[in-house]
Amino acid sequence: MSVAAEVFVHPLALCESGAVGAGTRIWAFAHVMAGAVVGRDCMIGGHAFLEAGSRIGDRVTIKNQVMVWDGVEIGDEVFVGPGVCFTNDRVPRSRRTRLPAIARRYREPEGWLATTRVEQGASLGARSVILAGVTIGAYAMVAAGAVVTGNVPAHALVRGVPAKQRGWVCRCGARLSATQFRPWCCRQCGETFDDEAIGGCTSRAPSC
């Protein structure tokens, strides 16, 4: 399948998808399957694998050795660190097993495929594992090596195995601090957030 001239594909990469946005760069030994959708101005690192059915937004950074499977949807401006691995089946079995119940389950995607979403601006640390069917909220931060087994609120900082929330982060990535006059403040860029909005982390006027 032809790739648009505005897309850079390293000579040692394999891009079979015609749905790759202008300005995207695909580096050596990465494989983008036909049926994968990649937005504009993305960076796909070496040895990354994007399966048919995966969807990547605009301005996404996917570092080396990342595995993105069918059913995974990554929003705009997400950072996916080295070696991050997604999953898409909550109770996986080899579909080549002769057991009839397994054969029936894998006959249609609805029987096994779970959609996993990473919303705008979130960051996934190196070697984190994202289990099937979870949603990681906008601008959330997943620590390196974490195993995410449930939904992560917008702007939440999670870490550990299984991952648990350990705080909140700003859009700029800095950890939020409690203040005397406003519940949450970013001391790096000055954005503030109130308690009612912290789950969705609605930005307030810079004031600290």
Protein backbone atom coordinates (compact mmCIF):
# COMPACT_ATOMS: atom_id res chain seq x y z
CA MET A 1 0.00 0.00 0.00
CA SER A 2 1.36 3.42 -0.92
CA VAL A 3 2.31 5.89 1.79
CA ALA A 4 1.81 9.65 1.37
CA ALA A 5 4.89 11.60 0.36
CA GLU A 6 4.52 13.78 3.47
CA VAL A 7 5.18 10.72 5.70
CA PHE A 8 8.75 9.68 6.48
CA VAL A 9 9.27 5.91 6.63
CA HIS A 10 12.77 4.70 7.42
CA PRO A 11 14.08 2.25 4.80
CA LEU A 12 14.15 -0.47 7.47
CA ALA A 13 10.60 0.16 8.68
CA LEU A 14 7.45 -1.50 7.32
CA CYS A 15 4.38 0.68 6.86
CA GLU A 16 1.45 -1.15 5.26
CA SER A 17 -1.17 1.44 6.23
CA GLY A 18 -2.38 4.14 3.85
CA ALA A 19 -3.99 6.00 6.77
CA VAL A 20 -0.95 7.81 8.16
CA GLY A 21 -1.09 11.59 8.57
CA ALA A 22 1.28 14.12 7.06
CA GLY A 23 4.41 14.89 9.05
CA THR A 24 4.51 11.52 10.82
CA ARG A 25 7.89 9.80 11.08
CA ILE A 26 8.24 6.01 11.33
CA TRP A 27 11.67 4.79 12.39
CA ALA A 28 13.74 1.66 11.75
CA PHE A 29 12.18 -1.76 12.36
CA ALA A 30 8.78 -0.32 13.29
CA HIS A 31 5.78 -2.10 11.75
CA VAL A 32 2.48 -0.32 11.05
CA MET A 33 -0.05 -2.82 9.75
CA ALA A 34 -2.69 -2.16 7.11
CA GLY A 35 -5.81 -1.06 8.97
CA ALA A 36 -3.94 0.91 11.63
CA VAL A 37 -4.78 4.64 11.65
CA VAL A 38 -2.08 7.15 12.61
CA GLY A 39 -2.63 10.91 12.80
CA ARG A 40 -0.48 13.86 11.77
CA ASP A 41 2.96 14.79 13.11
CA CYS A 42 3.46 11.60 15.12
CA MET A 43 6.73 9.88 15.96
CA ILE A 44 6.75 6.06 15.83
CA GLY A 45 9.96 4.74 17.38
CA GLY A 46 12.07 1.79 16.33
CA HIS A 47 10.68 -1.73 16.85
CA ALA A 48 7.21 -0.36 17.67
CA PHE A 49 4.27 -2.45 16.43
CA LEU A 50 0.86 -1.00 15.53
CA GLU A 51 -1.71 -3.68 14.78
CA ALA A 52 -4.63 -3.38 12.37
CA GLY A 53 -7.51 -1.73 14.21
CA SER A 54 -5.35 0.50 16.41
CA ARG A 55 -6.03 4.24 16.21
CA ILE A 56 -3.46 6.94 16.99
CA GLY A 57 -4.29 10.66 17.20
CA ASP A 58 -2.23 13.68 16.14
CA ARG A 59 1.15 14.70 17.58
CA VAL A 60 1.56 11.42 19.48
CA THR A 61 4.99 10.17 20.56
CA ILE A 62 5.36 6.38 20.55
CA LYS A 63 8.82 5.38 21.74
CA ASN A 64 10.78 2.24 20.89
CA GLN A 65 9.35 -1.28 21.42
CA VAL A 66 5.79 -0.14 22.12
CA MET A 67 3.06 -2.70 21.29
CA VAL A 68 -0.32 -1.22 20.27
CA TRP A 69 -3.02 -3.78 19.46
CA ASP A 70 -6.39 -3.83 17.75
CA GLY A 71 -8.96 -1.98 19.87
CA VAL A 72 -6.50 0.52 21.36
CA GLU A 73 -7.38 4.18 20.79
CA ILE A 74 -4.77 6.83 21.62
CA GLY A 75 -5.81 10.49 21.68
CA ASP A 76 -3.94 13.56 20.53
CA GLU A 77 -0.62 14.56 22.10
CA VAL A 78 -0.17 11.39 24.14
CA PHE A 79 3.31 10.23 25.19
CA VAL A 80 3.84 6.44 25.16
CA GLY A 81 7.16 5.56 26.77
CA PRO A 82 9.64 2.86 25.75
CA GLY A 83 8.37 -0.70 25.96
CA VAL A 84 4.78 0.14 26.93
CA CYS A 85 2.51 -2.83 26.22
CA PHE A 86 -1.24 -2.69 25.74
CA THR A 87 -3.61 -5.67 25.88
CA ASN A 88 -7.01 -6.14 24.25
CA ASP A 89 -8.47 -9.38 25.63
CA ARG A 90 -9.49 -9.75 29.30
CA VAL A 91 -9.35 -13.56 29.30
CA PRO A 92 -7.01 -14.52 26.46
CA ARG A 93 -6.69 -18.00 25.04
CA SER A 94 -5.09 -19.18 21.84
CA ARG A 95 -7.79 -18.96 19.21
CA ARG A 96 -6.22 -22.03 17.61
CA THR A 97 -7.22 -24.19 20.57
CA ARG A 98 -9.65 -26.94 19.55
CA LEU A 99 -12.02 -26.38 22.49
CA PRO A 100 -15.40 -25.41 20.91
CA ALA A 101 -16.20 -22.75 23.53
CA ILE A 102 -12.99 -20.90 22.68
CA ALA A 103 -13.59 -21.19 18.96
CA ARG A 104 -17.07 -19.68 19.42
CA ARG A 105 -15.75 -16.78 21.50
CA TYR A 106 -13.18 -15.81 18.89
CA ARG A 107 -15.57 -16.10 15.95
CA GLU A 108 -16.49 -12.38 16.18
CA PRO A 109 -14.58 -9.45 17.74
CA GLU A 110 -17.52 -8.74 20.05
CA GLY A 111 -16.77 -12.01 21.83
CA TRP A 112 -13.31 -11.02 23.02
CA LEU A 113 -12.11 -7.56 21.93
CA ALA A 114 -12.10 -4.88 24.67
CA THR A 115 -11.59 -1.22 23.71
CA THR A 116 -8.80 0.58 25.57
CA ARG A 117 -8.58 4.38 25.44
CA VAL A 118 -5.84 6.87 26.30
CA GLU A 119 -7.21 10.41 26.27
CA GLN A 120 -5.53 13.63 25.16
CA GLY A 121 -2.20 14.60 26.67
CA ALA A 122 -1.75 11.57 28.92
CA SER A 123 1.73 10.08 29.51
CA LEU A 124 2.53 6.38 29.93
CA GLY A 125 5.86 5.61 31.59
CA ALA A 126 8.43 3.14 30.30
CA ARG A 127 7.50 -0.55 30.51
CA SER A 128 4.05 0.14 31.90
CA VAL A 129 1.35 -2.42 31.06
CA ILE A 130 -2.18 -1.29 30.22
CA LEU A 131 -4.80 -4.00 30.66
CA ALA A 132 -7.68 -4.39 28.25
CA GLY A 133 -10.79 -2.24 28.52
CA VAL A 134 -9.47 0.61 30.66
CA THR A 135 -9.66 4.34 30.00
CA ILE A 136 -6.76 6.60 30.96
CA GLY A 137 -8.03 10.15 31.36
CA ALA A 138 -6.71 13.32 29.77
CA TYR A 139 -3.29 14.49 31.05
CA ALA A 140 -3.00 11.56 33.47
CA MET A 141 0.49 10.28 34.29
CA VAL A 142 1.26 6.53 34.55
CA ALA A 143 4.59 5.82 36.26
CA ALA A 144 7.25 3.59 34.74
CA GLY A 145 6.62 -0.12 35.32
CA ALA A 146 3.05 0.36 36.52
CA VAL A 147 0.35 -2.20 35.71
CA VAL A 148 -2.91 -0.37 35.05
CA THR A 149 -5.87 -2.62 35.85
CA GLY A 150 -8.67 -0.02 36.10
CA ASN A 151 -9.72 3.38 34.79
CA VAL A 152 -7.45 6.33 35.58
CA PRO A 153 -9.09 9.76 36.17
CA ALA A 154 -8.01 12.79 34.19
CA HIS A 155 -4.84 14.39 35.62
CA ALA A 156 -4.28 11.50 38.07
CA LEU A 157 -0.78 10.24 38.90
CA VAL A 158 -0.75 6.44 39.28
CA ARG A 159 2.06 4.02 40.06
CA GLY A 160 2.70 0.50 41.30
CA VAL A 161 1.48 -3.04 40.67
CA PRO A 162 -1.44 -2.81 40.47
CA ALA A 163 -1.37 0.93 39.78
CA LYS A 164 -2.91 3.14 42.48
CA GLN A 165 -3.43 6.88 42.51
CA ARG A 166 -0.71 8.86 44.29
CA GLY A 167 -1.62 12.44 43.42
CA TRP A 168 -2.59 14.82 40.63
CA VAL A 169 -0.59 16.36 37.79
CA CYS A 170 -0.96 19.50 35.72
CA ARG A 171 -1.22 19.67 31.94
CA CYS A 172 2.49 20.56 31.91
CA GLY A 173 3.30 17.32 33.78
CA ALA A 174 4.30 18.80 37.15
CA ARG A 175 2.72 17.46 40.32
CA LEU A 176 -0.06 19.63 41.79
CA SER A 177 0.28 21.03 45.31
CA ALA A 178 -2.41 22.06 47.79
CA THR A 179 -2.43 25.81 48.57
CA GLN A 180 -4.00 27.99 51.26
CA PHE A 181 -6.39 29.85 48.99
CA ARG A 182 -7.03 27.41 46.15
CA PRO A 183 -7.08 23.62 46.64
CA TRP A 184 -4.61 22.72 43.88
CA CYS A 185 -1.90 24.68 42.13
CA CYS A 186 0.90 23.95 39.66
CA ARG A 187 4.01 25.76 40.86
CA GLN A 188 5.70 25.19 37.51
CA CYS A 189 3.23 26.89 35.17
CA GLY A 190 0.75 28.56 37.55
CA GLU A 191 -2.46 26.73 36.58
CA THR A 192 -4.93 26.17 39.41
CA PHE A 193 -7.73 23.65 39.90
CA ASP A 194 -10.62 23.39 42.34
CA ASP A 195 -11.78 20.31 44.25
CA GLU A 196 -15.01 20.03 42.27
CA ALA A 197 -13.08 19.99 39.01
CA ILE A 198 -10.06 17.91 40.02
CA GLY A 199 -11.54 14.66 38.71
CA GLY A 200 -11.76 16.27 35.31
CA CYS A 201 -9.22 18.89 36.36
CA THR A 202 -10.80 21.99 34.84
CA SER A 203 -8.16 24.68 34.51
CA ARG A 204 -8.52 27.95 36.40
CA ALA A 205 -6.75 31.25 35.75
CA PRO A 206 -3.05 31.17 36.66
CA SER A 207 -2.63 32.80 40.06
CA CYS A 208 0.21 31.27 42.04
